[in-house]
Amino acid sequence: MTRIPAQSLPEEMASALEKVAREGDRIILEDHGREVAMLISMQDAALLEEVEDLHDLRAALEGLREEGELIPLEEIKKKYGA
């Protein structure tokens, strides 16, 4: 993983994008030694979106379970003959 001071990003943008897009590197941007952001590939961004979607789905299902609104699959199969 590469680290770049945020202040030097304008001068290093082409090189940083090359590392991220072609090499799959992740680049941490630092401001006065503090990590403030990260440049990641679109592939990594898509994976992050999938993980967030799964997390949201899990939270929604848990909420339905707690409210007693979730019907077990076996019950649905019995009711509709599947």
N, C-alpha and C. Protein backbone atom coordinates (compact mmCIF):
# COMPACT_ATOMS: atom_id res chain seq x y z
N MET A 1 0.84 -1.16 0.00
CA MET A 1 0.00 0.00 0.00
C MET A 1 0.89 1.23 0.00
N THR A 2 0.53 2.16 -0.86
CA THR A 2 1.31 3.38 -1.00
C THR A 2 0.68 4.50 -0.18
N ARG A 3 1.51 5.38 0.34
CA ARG A 3 1.03 6.56 1.08
C ARG A 3 1.54 7.81 0.39
N ILE A 4 0.64 8.76 0.24
CA ILE A 4 1.00 10.02 -0.42
C ILE A 4 0.44 11.17 0.42
N PRO A 5 1.25 12.18 0.69
CA PRO A 5 0.70 13.37 1.34
C PRO A 5 -0.34 14.00 0.41
N ALA A 6 -1.50 14.33 0.94
CA ALA A 6 -2.57 14.89 0.12
C ALA A 6 -2.11 16.14 -0.64
N GLN A 7 -1.22 16.89 -0.05
CA GLN A 7 -0.74 18.12 -0.69
C GLN A 7 0.02 17.83 -1.98
N SER A 8 0.65 16.66 -2.08
CA SER A 8 1.43 16.35 -3.27
C SER A 8 0.64 15.57 -4.32
N LEU A 9 -0.64 15.32 -4.05
CA LEU A 9 -1.45 14.54 -4.98
C LEU A 9 -1.54 15.17 -6.37
N PRO A 10 -1.71 16.48 -6.49
CA PRO A 10 -1.79 17.04 -7.85
C PRO A 10 -0.58 16.67 -8.72
N GLU A 11 0.61 16.72 -8.17
CA GLU A 11 1.81 16.39 -8.94
C GLU A 11 1.94 14.89 -9.19
N GLU A 12 1.36 14.08 -8.33
CA GLU A 12 1.51 12.64 -8.42
C GLU A 12 0.27 11.92 -8.94
N MET A 13 -0.74 12.69 -9.40
CA MET A 13 -2.02 12.09 -9.79
C MET A 13 -1.86 11.04 -10.90
N ALA A 14 -1.14 11.33 -11.95
CA ALA A 14 -0.98 10.38 -13.05
C ALA A 14 -0.35 9.08 -12.57
N SER A 15 0.69 9.19 -11.79
CA SER A 15 1.37 8.01 -11.25
C SER A 15 0.46 7.24 -10.30
N ALA A 16 -0.28 7.97 -9.48
CA ALA A 16 -1.19 7.34 -8.52
C ALA A 16 -2.29 6.57 -9.25
N LEU A 17 -2.86 7.18 -10.26
CA LEU A 17 -3.92 6.51 -11.02
C LEU A 17 -3.40 5.27 -11.73
N GLU A 18 -2.19 5.34 -12.23
CA GLU A 18 -1.57 4.18 -12.88
C GLU A 18 -1.44 3.02 -11.88
N LYS A 19 -0.95 3.33 -10.68
CA LYS A 19 -0.78 2.29 -9.66
C LYS A 19 -2.12 1.67 -9.26
N VAL A 20 -3.13 2.51 -9.14
CA VAL A 20 -4.44 2.02 -8.73
C VAL A 20 -5.11 1.22 -9.84
N ALA A 21 -5.18 1.79 -11.04
CA ALA A 21 -5.92 1.17 -12.14
C ALA A 21 -5.24 -0.06 -12.71
N ARG A 22 -3.95 0.00 -12.91
CA ARG A 22 -3.25 -1.09 -13.57
C ARG A 22 -2.66 -2.13 -12.62
N GLU A 23 -2.21 -1.66 -11.47
CA GLU A 23 -1.54 -2.56 -10.54
C GLU A 23 -2.43 -2.99 -9.37
N GLY A 24 -3.59 -2.37 -9.23
CA GLY A 24 -4.49 -2.72 -8.13
C GLY A 24 -4.02 -2.22 -6.77
N ASP A 25 -3.07 -1.30 -6.77
CA ASP A 25 -2.56 -0.74 -5.52
C ASP A 25 -3.65 0.11 -4.87
N ARG A 26 -3.59 0.25 -3.58
CA ARG A 26 -4.46 1.16 -2.84
C ARG A 26 -3.57 2.25 -2.30
N ILE A 27 -4.00 3.48 -2.46
CA ILE A 27 -3.16 4.61 -2.06
C ILE A 27 -3.84 5.40 -0.96
N ILE A 28 -3.17 5.49 0.16
CA ILE A 28 -3.68 6.26 1.30
C ILE A 28 -3.20 7.69 1.18
N LEU A 29 -4.14 8.62 1.29
CA LEU A 29 -3.79 10.04 1.29
C LEU A 29 -3.71 10.51 2.73
N GLU A 30 -2.62 11.19 3.04
CA GLU A 30 -2.41 11.66 4.40
C GLU A 30 -2.37 13.18 4.44
N ASP A 31 -2.91 13.72 5.51
CA ASP A 31 -2.86 15.16 5.74
C ASP A 31 -2.17 15.36 7.09
N HIS A 32 -0.95 15.87 7.04
CA HIS A 32 -0.14 16.07 8.26
C HIS A 32 -0.01 14.76 9.04
N GLY A 33 0.25 13.66 8.31
CA GLY A 33 0.47 12.36 8.93
C GLY A 33 -0.80 11.61 9.31
N ARG A 34 -1.95 12.21 9.09
CA ARG A 34 -3.23 11.57 9.44
C ARG A 34 -3.88 11.03 8.17
N GLU A 35 -4.31 9.77 8.20
CA GLU A 35 -4.97 9.16 7.05
C GLU A 35 -6.34 9.81 6.86
N VAL A 36 -6.58 10.34 5.64
CA VAL A 36 -7.84 11.05 5.41
C VAL A 36 -8.68 10.46 4.28
N ALA A 37 -8.08 9.73 3.36
CA ALA A 37 -8.82 9.16 2.24
C ALA A 37 -7.98 8.07 1.60
N MET A 38 -8.63 7.35 0.66
CA MET A 38 -7.90 6.30 -0.04
C MET A 38 -8.36 6.25 -1.49
N LEU A 39 -7.41 6.10 -2.39
CA LEU A 39 -7.71 5.87 -3.79
C LEU A 39 -7.72 4.36 -4.00
N ILE A 40 -8.83 3.86 -4.57
CA ILE A 40 -8.95 2.42 -4.82
C ILE A 40 -9.44 2.21 -6.25
N SER A 41 -9.24 1.01 -6.74
CA SER A 41 -9.69 0.68 -8.09
C SER A 41 -11.21 0.56 -8.13
N MET A 42 -11.77 0.62 -9.34
CA MET A 42 -13.20 0.44 -9.49
C MET A 42 -13.60 -0.98 -9.08
N GLN A 43 -12.72 -1.94 -9.28
CA GLN A 43 -12.99 -3.31 -8.85
C GLN A 43 -13.14 -3.36 -7.33
N ASP A 44 -12.24 -2.69 -6.62
CA ASP A 44 -12.34 -2.64 -5.16
C ASP A 44 -13.60 -1.89 -4.73
N ALA A 45 -13.95 -0.83 -5.45
CA ALA A 45 -15.15 -0.06 -5.13
C ALA A 45 -16.40 -0.91 -5.31
N ALA A 46 -16.45 -1.71 -6.37
CA ALA A 46 -17.60 -2.59 -6.61
C ALA A 46 -17.72 -3.62 -5.50
N LEU A 47 -16.59 -4.18 -5.07
CA LEU A 47 -16.60 -5.13 -3.97
C LEU A 47 -17.10 -4.48 -2.68
N LEU A 48 -16.65 -3.27 -2.42
CA LEU A 48 -17.11 -2.54 -1.24
C LEU A 48 -18.62 -2.32 -1.30
N GLU A 49 -19.14 -1.97 -2.46
CA GLU A 49 -20.59 -1.78 -2.63
C GLU A 49 -21.33 -3.09 -2.32
N GLU A 50 -20.82 -4.21 -2.81
CA GLU A 50 -21.45 -5.50 -2.54
C GLU A 50 -21.48 -5.81 -1.05
N VAL A 51 -20.37 -5.56 -0.39
CA VAL A 51 -20.29 -5.81 1.05
C VAL A 51 -21.30 -4.93 1.79
N GLU A 52 -21.39 -3.65 1.40
CA GLU A 52 -22.34 -2.74 2.04
C GLU A 52 -23.78 -3.21 1.79
N ASP A 53 -24.08 -3.66 0.57
CA ASP A 53 -25.42 -4.16 0.27
C ASP A 53 -25.76 -5.38 1.12
N LEU A 54 -24.81 -6.30 1.27
CA LEU A 54 -25.04 -7.48 2.10
C LEU A 54 -25.26 -7.10 3.57
N HIS A 55 -24.50 -6.13 4.03
CA HIS A 55 -24.66 -5.66 5.41
C HIS A 55 -26.05 -5.06 5.60
N ASP A 56 -26.50 -4.24 4.63
CA ASP A 56 -27.83 -3.64 4.71
C ASP A 56 -28.92 -4.70 4.68
N LEU A 57 -28.77 -5.70 3.82
CA LEU A 57 -29.75 -6.78 3.73
C LEU A 57 -29.82 -7.55 5.04
N ARG A 58 -28.67 -7.86 5.60
CA ARG A 58 -28.64 -8.58 6.87
C ARG A 58 -29.34 -7.78 7.97
N ALA A 59 -29.09 -6.47 8.02
CA ALA A 59 -29.74 -5.62 9.02
C ALA A 59 -31.26 -5.58 8.81
N ALA A 60 -31.70 -5.51 7.55
CA ALA A 60 -33.13 -5.49 7.26
C ALA A 60 -33.79 -6.80 7.67
N LEU A 61 -33.16 -7.91 7.35
CA LEU A 61 -33.71 -9.21 7.73
C LEU A 61 -33.78 -9.36 9.25
N GLU A 62 -32.77 -8.90 9.93
CA GLU A 62 -32.76 -8.96 11.39
C GLU A 62 -33.90 -8.12 11.95
N GLY A 63 -34.14 -6.95 11.37
CA GLY A 63 -35.25 -6.10 11.80
C GLY A 63 -36.59 -6.78 11.60
N LEU A 64 -36.76 -7.46 10.48
CA LEU A 64 -38.01 -8.20 10.23
C LEU A 64 -38.18 -9.33 11.22
N ARG A 65 -37.10 -10.03 11.53
CA ARG A 65 -37.17 -11.12 12.51
C ARG A 65 -37.62 -10.60 13.87
N GLU A 66 -37.04 -9.47 14.26
CA GLU A 66 -37.37 -8.89 15.57
C GLU A 66 -38.83 -8.46 15.64
N GLU A 67 -39.39 -8.04 14.50
CA GLU A 67 -40.79 -7.60 14.47
C GLU A 67 -41.74 -8.77 14.24
N GLY A 68 -41.19 -9.96 14.02
CA GLY A 68 -42.00 -11.13 13.81
C GLY A 68 -42.68 -11.18 12.45
N GLU A 69 -42.17 -10.45 11.48
CA GLU A 69 -42.78 -10.39 10.16
C GLU A 69 -42.11 -11.32 9.15
N LEU A 70 -41.11 -12.03 9.56
CA LEU A 70 -40.40 -12.92 8.65
C LEU A 70 -41.04 -14.31 8.71
N ILE A 71 -41.42 -14.83 7.54
CA ILE A 71 -42.05 -16.15 7.46
C ILE A 71 -41.01 -17.15 7.01
N PRO A 72 -40.81 -18.22 7.78
CA PRO A 72 -39.81 -19.23 7.40
C PRO A 72 -40.14 -19.86 6.05
N LEU A 73 -39.13 -20.20 5.29
CA LEU A 73 -39.29 -20.79 3.96
C LEU A 73 -40.13 -22.07 4.02
N GLU A 74 -39.93 -22.90 5.01
CA GLU A 74 -40.68 -24.15 5.14
C GLU A 74 -42.17 -23.89 5.25
N GLU A 75 -42.55 -22.83 5.95
CA GLU A 75 -43.96 -22.47 6.10
C GLU A 75 -44.57 -22.06 4.75
N ILE A 76 -43.81 -21.33 3.98
CA ILE A 76 -44.27 -20.90 2.66
C ILE A 76 -44.42 -22.11 1.75
N LYS A 77 -43.49 -23.04 1.79
CA LYS A 77 -43.57 -24.25 0.97
C LYS A 77 -44.80 -25.06 1.31
N LYS A 78 -45.10 -25.21 2.61
CA LYS A 78 -46.30 -25.96 3.02
C LYS A 78 -47.55 -25.27 2.52
N LYS A 79 -47.60 -23.97 2.67
CA LYS A 79 -48.80 -23.21 2.30
C LYS A 79 -49.07 -23.26 0.80
N TYR A 80 -48.01 -23.18 -0.02
CA TYR A 80 -48.18 -23.09 -1.46
C TYR A 80 -47.78 -24.38 -2.20
N GLY A 81 -47.48 -25.42 -1.45
CA GLY A 81 -47.20 -26.71 -2.05
C GLY A 81 -45.93 -26.77 -2.87
N ALA A 82 -44.93 -26.05 -2.49
CA ALA A 82 -43.67 -26.06 -3.24
C ALA A 82 -42.75 -27.13 -2.74
